[in-house]
Amino acid sequence: MKDLVYKKRDLFKSRGRIVSVQEAIHEAETENRITKNFIYLVSRVDEVPGELPQPEIHINKYIDTRDHAEAFRFRVKGTVYMKQKRFIYRVDYCHGLRIRITWKTHVLSS
């Protein structure tokens, strides 16, 4: 069985948006919870800086042998610039993915 929740919210007087998708999957051997988050914040700027910063990428993996669970976290933060008509916009973004697998048996991946 699979449960799915989709949420969308505007931020700061339509200057940004949060989109979130949550899944719960119930299988014979595992219970999986997957969460995807997308956050965008838009602001107007006068010019694009000469050197653009690199996106930040974070990846973590946790194994809980007591609860027979595994968790993965992936997050990317960065900035892009875009031009629309005569205006330049800076878009700060953060994308996240969390996966939690709970095993009903005692088998964990290595």
PDB file of N, CA and C in Angstrom:
ATOM      1  N   MET A   1       0.839  -1.167   0.000  1.00  0.00           N
ATOM      2  CA  MET A   1       0.000   0.000   0.000  1.00  0.00           C
ATOM      3  C   MET A   1       0.893   1.242   0.000  1.00  0.00           C
ATOM      4  N   LYS A   2       0.422   2.290  -0.668  1.00  0.00           N
ATOM      5  CA  LYS A   2       1.218   3.498  -0.801  1.00  0.00           C
ATOM      6  C   LYS A   2       0.351   4.709  -0.459  1.00  0.00           C
ATOM      7  N   ASP A   3       0.841   5.562   0.452  1.00  0.00           N
ATOM      8  CA  ASP A   3       0.166   6.806   0.814  1.00  0.00           C
ATOM      9  C   ASP A   3       1.003   7.962   0.272  1.00  0.00           C
ATOM     10  N   LEU A   4       0.342   8.975  -0.282  1.00  0.00           N
ATOM     11  CA  LEU A   4       1.042  10.101  -0.881  1.00  0.00           C
ATOM     12  C   LEU A   4       0.406  11.408  -0.424  1.00  0.00           C
ATOM     13  N   VAL A   5       1.247  12.359   0.045  1.00  0.00           N
ATOM     14  CA  VAL A   5       0.781  13.680   0.476  1.00  0.00           C
ATOM     15  C   VAL A   5       1.582  14.724  -0.296  1.00  0.00           C
ATOM     16  N   TYR A   6       0.882  15.661  -0.923  1.00  0.00           N
ATOM     17  CA  TYR A   6       1.506  16.726  -1.702  1.00  0.00           C
ATOM     18  C   TYR A   6       1.102  18.064  -1.088  1.00  0.00           C
ATOM     19  N   LYS A   7       2.104  18.903  -0.759  1.00  0.00           N
ATOM     20  CA  LYS A   7       1.825  20.208  -0.157  1.00  0.00           C
ATOM     21  C   LYS A   7       2.543  21.290  -0.954  1.00  0.00           C
ATOM     22  N   LYS A   8       1.871  22.430  -1.122  1.00  0.00           N
ATOM     23  CA  LYS A   8       2.466  23.563  -1.818  1.00  0.00           C
ATOM     24  C   LYS A   8       2.098  24.831  -1.054  1.00  0.00           C
ATOM     25  N   ARG A   9       3.106  25.666  -0.770  1.00  0.00           N
ATOM     26  CA  ARG A   9       2.890  26.893   0.000  1.00  0.00           C
ATOM     27  C   ARG A   9       3.673  28.041  -0.612  1.00  0.00           C
ATOM     28  N   ASP A  10       3.084  29.235  -0.615  1.00  0.00           N
ATOM     29  CA  ASP A  10       3.804  30.440  -1.026  1.00  0.00           C
ATOM     30  C   ASP A  10       4.470  31.067   0.194  1.00  0.00           C
ATOM     31  N   LEU A  11       5.604  31.735  -0.040  1.00  0.00           N
ATOM     32  CA  LEU A  11       6.367  32.380   1.028  1.00  0.00           C
ATOM     33  C   LEU A  11       6.467  33.876   0.791  1.00  0.00           C
ATOM     34  N   PHE A  12       6.473  34.642   1.833  1.00  0.00           N
ATOM     35  CA  PHE A  12       6.831  36.060   1.810  1.00  0.00           C
ATOM     36  C   PHE A  12       6.160  36.833   0.678  1.00  0.00           C
ATOM     37  N   LYS A  13       4.857  36.867   0.678  1.00  0.00           N
ATOM     38  CA  LYS A  13       4.087  37.650  -0.306  1.00  0.00           C
ATOM     39  C   LYS A  13       4.448  37.258  -1.742  1.00  0.00           C
ATOM     40  N   SER A  14       4.393  35.979  -2.031  1.00  0.00           N
ATOM     41  CA  SER A  14       4.646  35.420  -3.373  1.00  0.00           C
ATOM     42  C   SER A  14       6.087  35.597  -3.842  1.00  0.00           C
ATOM     43  N   ARG A  15       7.050  35.729  -2.919  1.00  0.00           N
ATOM     44  CA  ARG A  15       8.460  35.812  -3.298  1.00  0.00           C
ATOM     45  C   ARG A  15       9.119  34.448  -3.315  1.00  0.00           C
ATOM     46  N   GLY A  16       8.423  33.422  -2.887  1.00  0.00           N
ATOM     47  CA  GLY A  16       9.015  32.099  -2.857  1.00  0.00           C
ATOM     48  C   GLY A  16       7.947  31.035  -2.774  1.00  0.00           C
ATOM     49  N   ARG A  17       8.402  29.790  -2.795  1.00  0.00           N
ATOM     50  CA  ARG A  17       7.464  28.684  -2.761  1.00  0.00           C
ATOM     51  C   ARG A  17       8.129  27.467  -2.120  1.00  0.00           C
ATOM     52  N   ILE A  18       7.328  26.709  -1.374  1.00  0.00           N
ATOM     53  CA  ILE A  18       7.754  25.430  -0.808  1.00  0.00           C
ATOM     54  C   ILE A  18       6.855  24.356  -1.400  1.00  0.00           C
ATOM     55  N   VAL A  19       7.478  23.331  -1.946  1.00  0.00           N
ATOM     56  CA  VAL A  19       6.744  22.176  -2.451  1.00  0.00           C
ATOM     57  C   VAL A  19       7.269  20.968  -1.696  1.00  0.00           C
ATOM     58  N   SER A  20       6.365  20.180  -1.142  1.00  0.00           N
ATOM     59  CA  SER A  20       6.751  19.013  -0.351  1.00  0.00           C
ATOM     60  C   SER A  20       5.919  17.812  -0.784  1.00  0.00           C
ATOM     61  N   VAL A  21       6.596  16.679  -0.961  1.00  0.00           N
ATOM     62  CA  VAL A  21       5.933  15.427  -1.315  1.00  0.00           C
ATOM     63  C   VAL A  21       6.363  14.383  -0.292  1.00  0.00           C
ATOM     64  N   GLN A  22       5.387  13.745   0.350  1.00  0.00           N
ATOM     65  CA  GLN A  22       5.675  12.708   1.341  1.00  0.00           C
ATOM     66  C   GLN A  22       5.009  11.410   0.902  1.00  0.00           C
ATOM     67  N   GLU A  23       5.785  10.328   0.931  1.00  0.00           N
ATOM     68  CA  GLU A  23       5.278   9.012   0.564  1.00  0.00           C
ATOM     69  C   GLU A  23       5.494   8.050   1.714  1.00  0.00           C
ATOM     70  N   ALA A  24       4.540   7.184   1.917  1.00  0.00           N
ATOM     71  CA  ALA A  24       4.683   6.080   2.868  1.00  0.00           C
ATOM     72  C   ALA A  24       4.320   4.810   2.109  1.00  0.00           C
ATOM     73  N   ILE A  25       5.270   3.888   2.033  1.00  0.00           N
ATOM     74  CA  ILE A  25       5.075   2.646   1.292  1.00  0.00           C
ATOM     75  C   ILE A  25       5.166   1.496   2.279  1.00  0.00           C
ATOM     76  N   HIS A  26       4.121   0.691   2.334  1.00  0.00           N
ATOM     77  CA  HIS A  26       4.060  -0.455   3.237  1.00  0.00           C
ATOM     78  C   HIS A  26       4.185  -1.726   2.399  1.00  0.00           C
ATOM     79  N   GLU A  27       5.296  -2.432   2.587  1.00  0.00           N
ATOM     80  CA  GLU A  27       5.542  -3.669   1.854  1.00  0.00           C
ATOM     81  C   GLU A  27       5.655  -4.821   2.838  1.00  0.00           C
ATOM     82  N   ALA A  28       5.830  -6.017   2.308  1.00  0.00           N
ATOM     83  CA  ALA A  28       5.887  -7.209   3.155  1.00  0.00           C
ATOM     84  C   ALA A  28       7.102  -7.193   4.086  1.00  0.00           C
ATOM     85  N   GLU A  29       8.258  -6.749   3.580  1.00  0.00           N
ATOM     86  CA  GLU A  29       9.484  -6.791   4.380  1.00  0.00           C
ATOM     87  C   GLU A  29       9.889  -5.437   4.960  1.00  0.00           C
ATOM     88  N   THR A  30       9.388  -4.337   4.390  1.00  0.00           N
ATOM     89  CA  THR A  30       9.838  -3.008   4.821  1.00  0.00           C
ATOM     90  C   THR A  30       8.682  -2.022   4.930  1.00  0.00           C
ATOM     91  N   GLU A  31       8.958  -0.960   5.679  1.00  0.00           N
ATOM     92  CA  GLU A  31       8.103   0.229   5.720  1.00  0.00           C
ATOM     93  C   GLU A  31       9.000   1.382   5.283  1.00  0.00           C
ATOM     94  N   ASN A  32       8.648   2.049   4.201  1.00  0.00           N
ATOM     95  CA  ASN A  32       9.477   3.113   3.642  1.00  0.00           C
ATOM     96  C   ASN A  32       8.775   4.455   3.773  1.00  0.00           C
ATOM     97  N   ARG A  33       9.531   5.466   4.183  1.00  0.00           N
ATOM     98  CA  ARG A  33       9.025   6.838   4.230  1.00  0.00           C
ATOM     99  C   ARG A  33       9.979   7.703   3.407  1.00  0.00           C
ATOM    100  N   ILE A  34       9.419   8.374   2.422  1.00  0.00           N
ATOM    101  CA  ILE A  34      10.208   9.199   1.513  1.00  0.00           C
ATOM    102  C   ILE A  34       9.642  10.612   1.548  1.00  0.00           C
ATOM    103  N   THR A  35      10.515  11.592   1.788  1.00  0.00           N
ATOM    104  CA  THR A  35      10.107  12.993   1.819  1.00  0.00           C
ATOM    105  C   THR A  35      10.989  13.779   0.861  1.00  0.00           C
ATOM    106  N   LYS A  36      10.351  14.535  -0.031  1.00  0.00           N
ATOM    107  CA  LYS A  36      11.063  15.401  -0.972  1.00  0.00           C
ATOM    108  C   LYS A  36      10.612  16.834  -0.711  1.00  0.00           C
ATOM    109  N   ASN A  37      11.574  17.735  -0.516  1.00  0.00           N
ATOM    110  CA  ASN A  37      11.277  19.148  -0.272  1.00  0.00           C
ATOM    111  C   ASN A  37      11.981  20.004  -1.315  1.00  0.00           C
ATOM    112  N   PHE A  38      11.268  20.989  -1.825  1.00  0.00           N
ATOM    113  CA  PHE A  38      11.817  21.941  -2.784  1.00  0.00           C
ATOM    114  C   PHE A  38      11.450  23.335  -2.292  1.00  0.00           C
ATOM    115  N   ILE A  39      12.465  24.153  -1.977  1.00  0.00           N
ATOM    116  CA  ILE A  39      12.239  25.501  -1.461  1.00  0.00           C
ATOM    117  C   ILE A  39      12.901  26.486  -2.423  1.00  0.00           C
ATOM    118  N   TYR A  40      12.135  27.507  -2.826  1.00  0.00           N
ATOM    119  CA  TYR A  40      12.636  28.536  -3.729  1.00  0.00           C
ATOM    120  C   TYR A  40      12.314  29.902  -3.141  1.00  0.00           C
ATOM    121  N   LEU A  41      13.285  30.817  -3.178  1.00  0.00           N
ATOM    122  CA  LEU A  41      13.089  32.185  -2.712  1.00  0.00           C
ATOM    123  C   LEU A  41      13.647  33.121  -3.784  1.00  0.00           C
ATOM    124  N   VAL A  42      12.803  34.000  -4.314  1.00  0.00           N
ATOM    125  CA  VAL A  42      13.160  34.864  -5.438  1.00  0.00           C
ATOM    126  C   VAL A  42      13.318  36.299  -4.950  1.00  0.00           C
ATOM    127  N   SER A  43      14.389  36.962  -5.388  1.00  0.00           N
ATOM    128  CA  SER A  43      14.590  38.381  -5.079  1.00  0.00           C
ATOM    129  C   SER A  43      15.173  39.072  -6.314  1.00  0.00           C
ATOM    130  N   ARG A  44      14.876  40.344  -6.460  1.00  0.00           N
ATOM    131  CA  ARG A  44      15.370  41.101  -7.597  1.00  0.00           C
ATOM    132  C   ARG A  44      16.731  41.701  -7.257  1.00  0.00           C
ATOM    133  N   VAL A  45      17.668  41.638  -8.194  1.00  0.00           N
ATOM    134  CA  VAL A  45      19.016  42.182  -7.992  1.00  0.00           C
ATOM    135  C   VAL A  45      19.352  43.125  -9.147  1.00  0.00           C
ATOM    136  N   ASP A  46      20.389  43.944  -8.937  1.00  0.00           N
ATOM    137  CA  ASP A  46      20.802  44.895  -9.971  1.00  0.00           C
ATOM    138  C   ASP A  46      21.741  44.271 -10.996  1.00  0.00           C
ATOM    139  N   GLU A  47      22.605  43.361 -10.528  1.00  0.00           N
ATOM    140  CA  GLU A  47      23.556  42.730 -11.450  1.00  0.00           C
ATOM    141  C   GLU A  47      23.958  41.360 -10.928  1.00  0.00           C
ATOM    142  N   VAL A  48      24.502  40.558 -11.829  1.00  0.00           N
ATOM    143  CA  VAL A  48      24.988  39.220 -11.472  1.00  0.00           C
ATOM    144  C   VAL A  48      26.440  39.358 -11.025  1.00  0.00           C
ATOM    145  N   PRO A  49      26.816  38.781  -9.867  1.00  0.00           N
ATOM    146  CA  PRO A  49      28.216  38.880  -9.430  1.00  0.00           C
ATOM    147  C   PRO A  49      29.151  38.167 -10.408  1.00  0.00           C
ATOM    148  N   GLY A  50      30.408  38.608 -10.408  1.00  0.00           N
ATOM    149  CA  GLY A  50      31.392  38.055 -11.336  1.00  0.00           C
ATOM    150  C   GLY A  50      31.652  36.573 -11.136  1.00  0.00           C
ATOM    151  N   GLU A  51      31.755  36.146  -9.886  1.00  0.00           N
ATOM    152  CA  GLU A  51      32.016  34.733  -9.599  1.00  0.00           C
ATOM    153  C   GLU A  51      30.830  34.160  -8.837  1.00  0.00           C
ATOM    154  N   LEU A  52      30.239  33.126  -9.403  1.00  0.00           N
ATOM    155  CA  LEU A  52      29.067  32.514  -8.784  1.00  0.00           C
ATOM    156  C   LEU A  52      29.495  31.429  -7.799  1.00  0.00           C
ATOM    157  N   PRO A  53      28.849  31.347  -6.643  1.00  0.00           N
ATOM    158  CA  PRO A  53      29.205  30.300  -5.674  1.00  0.00           C
ATOM    159  C   PRO A  53      28.759  28.920  -6.157  1.00  0.00           C
ATOM    160  N   GLN A  54      29.513  27.911  -5.772  1.00  0.00           N
ATOM    161  CA  GLN A  54      29.160  26.532  -6.110  1.00  0.00           C
ATOM    162  C   GLN A  54      28.029  26.055  -5.206  1.00  0.00           C
ATOM    163  N   PRO A  55      27.162  25.176  -5.695  1.00  0.00           N
ATOM    164  CA  PRO A  55      26.110  24.631  -4.826  1.00  0.00           C
ATOM    165  C   PRO A  55      26.712  23.772  -3.712  1.00  0.00           C
ATOM    166  N   GLU A  56      26.036  23.752  -2.569  1.00  0.00           N
ATOM    167  CA  GLU A  56      26.451  22.911  -1.445  1.00  0.00           C
ATOM    168  C   GLU A  56      25.684  21.596  -1.532  1.00  0.00           C
ATOM    169  N   ILE A  57      26.398  20.492  -1.418  1.00  0.00           N
ATOM    170  CA  ILE A  57      25.776  19.169  -1.483  1.00  0.00           C
ATOM    171  C   ILE A  57      26.135  18.411  -0.216  1.00  0.00           C
ATOM    172  N   HIS A  58      25.117  17.894   0.474  1.00  0.00           N
ATOM    173  CA  HIS A  58      25.311  17.122   1.698  1.00  0.00           C
ATOM    174  C   HIS A  58      24.612  15.774   1.534  1.00  0.00           C
ATOM    175  N   ILE A  59      25.341  14.692   1.817  1.00  0.00           N
ATOM    176  CA  ILE A  59      24.780  13.343   1.754  1.00  0.00           C
ATOM    177  C   ILE A  59      25.118  12.638   3.059  1.00  0.00           C
ATOM    178  N   ASN A  60      24.111  12.075   3.722  1.00  0.00           N
ATOM    179  CA  ASN A  60      24.308  11.333   4.970  1.00  0.00           C
ATOM    180  C   ASN A  60      23.571  10.008   4.894  1.00  0.00           C
ATOM    181  N   LYS A  61      24.134   9.007   5.565  1.00  0.00           N
ATOM    182  CA  LYS A  61      23.485   7.703   5.684  1.00  0.00           C
ATOM    183  C   LYS A  61      23.602   7.259   7.134  1.00  0.00           C
ATOM    184  N   TYR A  62      22.494   6.833   7.701  1.00  0.00           N
ATOM    185  CA  TYR A  62      22.458   6.360   9.082  1.00  0.00           C
ATOM    186  C   TYR A  62      21.904   4.946   9.109  1.00  0.00           C
ATOM    187  N   ILE A  63      22.461   4.114   9.987  1.00  0.00           N
ATOM    188  CA  ILE A  63      21.936   2.765  10.207  1.00  0.00           C
ATOM    189  C   ILE A  63      21.683   2.609  11.694  1.00  0.00           C
ATOM    190  N   ASP A  64      20.452   2.276  12.045  1.00  0.00           N
ATOM    191  CA  ASP A  64      20.043   2.065  13.430  1.00  0.00           C
ATOM    192  C   ASP A  64      19.757   0.576  13.599  1.00  0.00           C
ATOM    193  N   THR A  65      20.689  -0.147  14.222  1.00  0.00           N
ATOM    194  CA  THR A  65      20.522  -1.596  14.360  1.00  0.00           C
ATOM    195  C   THR A  65      19.487  -1.963  15.410  1.00  0.00           C
ATOM    196  N   ARG A  66      19.250  -1.078  16.352  1.00  0.00           N
ATOM    197  CA  ARG A  66      18.251  -1.369  17.391  1.00  0.00           C
ATOM    198  C   ARG A  66      16.837  -1.358  16.812  1.00  0.00           C
ATOM    199  N   ASP A  67      16.543  -0.357  15.981  1.00  0.00           N
ATOM    200  CA  ASP A  67      15.209  -0.244  15.386  1.00  0.00           C
ATOM    201  C   ASP A  67      15.116  -0.904  14.015  1.00  0.00           C
ATOM    202  N   HIS A  68      16.214  -1.486  13.522  1.00  0.00           N
ATOM    203  CA  HIS A  68      16.272  -2.120  12.199  1.00  0.00           C
ATOM    204  C   HIS A  68      15.866  -1.124  11.120  1.00  0.00           C
ATOM    205  N   ALA A  69      16.507   0.043  11.136  1.00  0.00           N
ATOM    206  CA  ALA A  69      16.143   1.110  10.205  1.00  0.00           C
ATOM    207  C   ALA A  69      17.395   1.694   9.553  1.00  0.00           C
ATOM    208  N   GLU A  70      17.196   2.194   8.340  1.00  0.00           N
ATOM    209  CA  GLU A  70      18.230   2.905   7.605  1.00  0.00           C
ATOM    210  C   GLU A  70      17.654   4.244   7.174  1.00  0.00           C
ATOM    211  N   ALA A  71      18.487   5.271   7.153  1.00  0.00           N
ATOM    212  CA  ALA A  71      18.035   6.589   6.722  1.00  0.00           C
ATOM    213  C   ALA A  71      19.085   7.204   5.802  1.00  0.00           C
ATOM    214  N   PHE A  72      18.618   7.817   4.732  1.00  0.00           N
ATOM    215  CA  PHE A  72      19.464   8.514   3.777  1.00  0.00           C
ATOM    216  C   PHE A  72      18.979   9.953   3.696  1.00  0.00           C
ATOM    217  N   ARG A  73      19.914  10.896   3.672  1.00  0.00           N
ATOM    218  CA  ARG A  73      19.562  12.308   3.523  1.00  0.00           C
ATOM    219  C   ARG A  73      20.432  12.912   2.435  1.00  0.00           C
ATOM    220  N   PHE A  74      19.796  13.646   1.570  1.00  0.00           N
ATOM    221  CA  PHE A  74      20.480  14.301   0.464  1.00  0.00           C
ATOM    222  C   PHE A  74      19.949  15.729   0.381  1.00  0.00           C
ATOM    223  N   ARG A  75      20.842  16.725   0.380  1.00  0.00           N
ATOM    224  CA  ARG A  75      20.411  18.123   0.338  1.00  0.00           C
ATOM    225  C   ARG A  75      21.342  18.912  -0.583  1.00  0.00           C
ATOM    226  N   VAL A  76      20.740  19.741  -1.426  1.00  0.00           N
ATOM    227  CA  VAL A  76      21.477  20.626  -2.326  1.00  0.00           C
ATOM    228  C   VAL A  76      20.977  22.046  -2.098  1.00  0.00           C
ATOM    229  N   LYS A  77      21.917  22.971  -1.837  1.00  0.00           N
ATOM    230  CA  LYS A  77      21.584  24.392  -1.678  1.00  0.00           C
ATOM    231  C   LYS A  77      22.401  25.179  -2.686  1.00  0.00           C
ATOM    232  N   GLY A  78      21.761  26.171  -3.291  1.00  0.00           N
ATOM    233  CA  GLY A  78      22.491  26.968  -4.263  1.00  0.00           C
ATOM    234  C   GLY A  78      21.706  28.177  -4.716  1.00  0.00           C
ATOM    235  N   THR A  79      22.260  28.848  -5.714  1.00  0.00           N
ATOM    236  CA  THR A  79      21.672  30.065  -6.253  1.00  0.00           C
ATOM    237  C   THR A  79      21.791  30.046  -7.768  1.00  0.00           C
ATOM    238  N   VAL A  80      20.732  30.471  -8.437  1.00  0.00           N
ATOM    239  CA  VAL A  80      20.769  30.680  -9.884  1.00  0.00           C
ATOM    240  C   VAL A  80      20.253  32.090 -10.157  1.00  0.00           C
ATOM    241  N   TYR A  81      20.699  32.646 -11.264  1.00  0.00           N
ATOM    242  CA  TYR A  81      20.242  33.971 -11.685  1.00  0.00           C
ATOM    243  C   TYR A  81      19.497  33.817 -12.998  1.00  0.00           C
ATOM    244  N   MET A  82      18.415  34.581 -13.139  1.00  0.00           N
ATOM    245  CA  MET A  82      17.661  34.545 -14.386  1.00  0.00           C
ATOM    246  C   MET A  82      17.203  35.946 -14.749  1.00  0.00           C
ATOM    247  N   LYS A  83      16.994  36.130 -16.037  1.00  0.00           N
ATOM    248  CA  LYS A  83      16.589  37.432 -16.534  1.00  0.00           C
ATOM    249  C   LYS A  83      15.223  37.296 -17.182  1.00  0.00           C
ATOM    250  N   GLN A  84      14.329  38.217 -16.822  1.00  0.00           N
ATOM    251  CA  GLN A  84      13.011  38.257 -17.438  1.00  0.00           C
ATOM    252  C   GLN A  84      12.743  39.703 -17.829  1.00  0.00           C
ATOM    253  N   LYS A  85      12.566  39.916 -19.105  1.00  0.00           N
ATOM    254  CA  LYS A  85      12.425  41.259 -19.675  1.00  0.00           C
ATOM    255  C   LYS A  85      13.666  42.066 -19.302  1.00  0.00           C
ATOM    256  N   ARG A  86      13.556  43.141 -18.555  1.00  0.00           N
ATOM    257  CA  ARG A  86      14.741  43.954 -18.226  1.00  0.00           C
ATOM    258  C   ARG A  86      15.196  43.780 -16.786  1.00  0.00           C
ATOM    259  N   PHE A  87      14.628  42.833 -16.062  1.00  0.00           N
ATOM    260  CA  PHE A  87      14.964  42.622 -14.656  1.00  0.00           C
ATOM    261  C   PHE A  87      15.783  41.346 -14.478  1.00  0.00           C
ATOM    262  N   ILE A  88      16.679  41.373 -13.479  1.00  0.00           N
ATOM    263  CA  ILE A  88      17.487  40.204 -13.124  1.00  0.00           C
ATOM    264  C   ILE A  88      17.004  39.714 -11.769  1.00  0.00           C
ATOM    265  N   TYR A  89      16.784  38.413 -11.669  1.00  0.00           N
ATOM    266  CA  TYR A  89      16.284  37.808 -10.437  1.00  0.00           C
ATOM    267  C   TYR A  89      17.282  36.784  -9.922  1.00  0.00           C
ATOM    268  N   ARG A  90      17.410  36.753  -8.619  1.00  0.00           N
ATOM    269  CA  ARG A  90      18.230  35.744  -7.939  1.00  0.00           C
ATOM    270  C   ARG A  90      17.271  34.733  -7.313  1.00  0.00           C
ATOM    271  N   VAL A  91      17.495  33.454  -7.598  1.00  0.00           N
ATOM    272  CA  VAL A  91      16.656  32.387  -7.053  1.00  0.00           C
ATOM    273  C   VAL A  91      17.528  31.522  -6.145  1.00  0.00           C
ATOM    274  N   ASP A  92      17.272  31.589  -4.844  1.00  0.00           N
ATOM    275  CA  ASP A  92      17.940  30.709  -3.883  1.00  0.00           C
ATOM    276  C   ASP A  92      17.082  29.458  -3.750  1.00  0.00           C
ATOM    277  N   TYR A  93      17.724  28.308  -3.815  1.00  0.00           N
ATOM    278  CA  TYR A  93      16.968  27.062  -3.749  1.00  0.00           C
ATOM    279  C   TYR A  93      17.589  26.101  -2.751  1.00  0.00           C
ATOM    280  N   CYS A  94      16.762  25.208  -2.262  1.00  0.00           N
ATOM    281  CA  CYS A  94      17.200  24.117  -1.392  1.00  0.00           C
ATOM    282  C   CYS A  94      16.336  22.909  -1.726  1.00  0.00           C
ATOM    283  N   HIS A  95      16.964  21.856  -2.212  1.00  0.00           N
ATOM    284  CA  HIS A  95      16.266  20.619  -2.532  1.00  0.00           C
ATOM    285  C   HIS A  95      16.696  19.562  -1.527  1.00  0.00           C
ATOM    286  N   GLY A  96      15.745  18.855  -0.961  1.00  0.00           N
ATOM    287  CA  GLY A  96      16.061  17.828   0.027  1.00  0.00           C
ATOM    288  C   GLY A  96      15.339  16.530  -0.272  1.00  0.00           C
ATOM    289  N   LEU A  97      15.999  15.435   0.034  1.00  0.00           N
ATOM    290  CA  LEU A  97      15.420  14.105  -0.120  1.00  0.00           C
ATOM    291  C   LEU A  97      15.775  13.308   1.124  1.00  0.00           C
ATOM    292  N   ARG A  98      14.765  12.764   1.796  1.00  0.00           N
ATOM    293  CA  ARG A  98      14.979  11.903   2.962  1.00  0.00           C
ATOM    294  C   ARG A  98      14.280  10.578   2.711  1.00  0.00           C
ATOM    295  N   ILE A  99      15.004   9.497   2.941  1.00  0.00           N
ATOM    296  CA  ILE A  99      14.448   8.152   2.791  1.00  0.00           C
ATOM    297  C   ILE A  99      14.712   7.400   4.083  1.00  0.00           C
ATOM    298  N   ARG A 100      13.671   6.835   4.662  1.00  0.00           N
ATOM    299  CA  ARG A 100      13.813   6.013   5.864  1.00  0.00           C
ATOM    300  C   ARG A 100      13.203   4.651   5.577  1.00  0.00           C
ATOM    301  N   ILE A 101      14.021   3.623   5.721  1.00  0.00           N
ATOM    302  CA  ILE A 101      13.593   2.245   5.493  1.00  0.00           C
ATOM    303  C   ILE A 101      13.631   1.526   6.830  1.00  0.00           C
ATOM    304  N   THR A 102      12.508   1.000   7.254  1.00  0.00           N
ATOM    305  CA  THR A 102      12.433   0.209   8.477  1.00  0.00           C
ATOM    306  C   THR A 102      12.169  -1.234   8.072  1.00  0.00           C
ATOM    307  N   TRP A 103      13.114  -2.105   8.425  1.00  0.00           N
ATOM    308  CA  TRP A 103      13.013  -3.516   8.059  1.00  0.00           C
ATOM    309  C   TRP A 103      12.182  -4.260   9.090  1.00  0.00           C
ATOM    310  N   LYS A 104      11.277  -5.093   8.623  1.00  0.00           N
ATOM    311  CA  LYS A 104      10.485  -5.920   9.530  1.00  0.00           C
ATOM    312  C   LYS A 104      11.265  -7.168   9.928  1.00  0.00           C
ATOM    313  N   THR A 105      12.250  -7.540   9.119  1.00  0.00           N
ATOM    314  CA  THR A 105      13.160  -8.633   9.465  1.00  0.00           C
ATOM    315  C   THR A 105      14.453  -8.009   9.986  1.00  0.00           C
ATOM    316  N   HIS A 106      15.449  -8.800  10.274  1.00  0.00           N
ATOM    317  CA  HIS A 106      16.697  -8.296  10.853  1.00  0.00           C
ATOM    318  C   HIS A 106      17.777  -8.071   9.802  1.00  0.00           C
ATOM    319  N   VAL A 107      17.414  -7.885   8.546  1.00  0.00           N
ATOM    320  CA  VAL A 107      18.390  -7.723   7.476  1.00  0.00           C
ATOM    321  C   VAL A 107      18.600  -6.241   7.207  1.00  0.00           C
ATOM    322  N   LEU A 108      19.853  -5.780   7.302  1.00  0.00           N
ATOM    323  CA  LEU A 108      20.205  -4.401   6.981  1.00  0.00           C
ATOM    324  C   LEU A 108      21.248  -4.418   5.879  1.00  0.00           C
ATOM    325  N   SER A 109      21.237  -3.398   5.030  1.00  0.00           N
ATOM    326  CA  SER A 109      22.272  -3.319   4.005  1.00  0.00           C
ATOM    327  C   SER A 109      23.559  -2.820   4.642  1.00  0.00           C
ATOM    328  N   SER A 110      24.671  -3.030   3.972  1.00  0.00           N
ATOM    329  CA  SER A 110      25.963  -2.617   4.540  1.00  0.00           C
ATOM    330  C   SER A 110      26.476  -1.367   3.903  1.00  0.00           C
TER     331      SER A 110
END
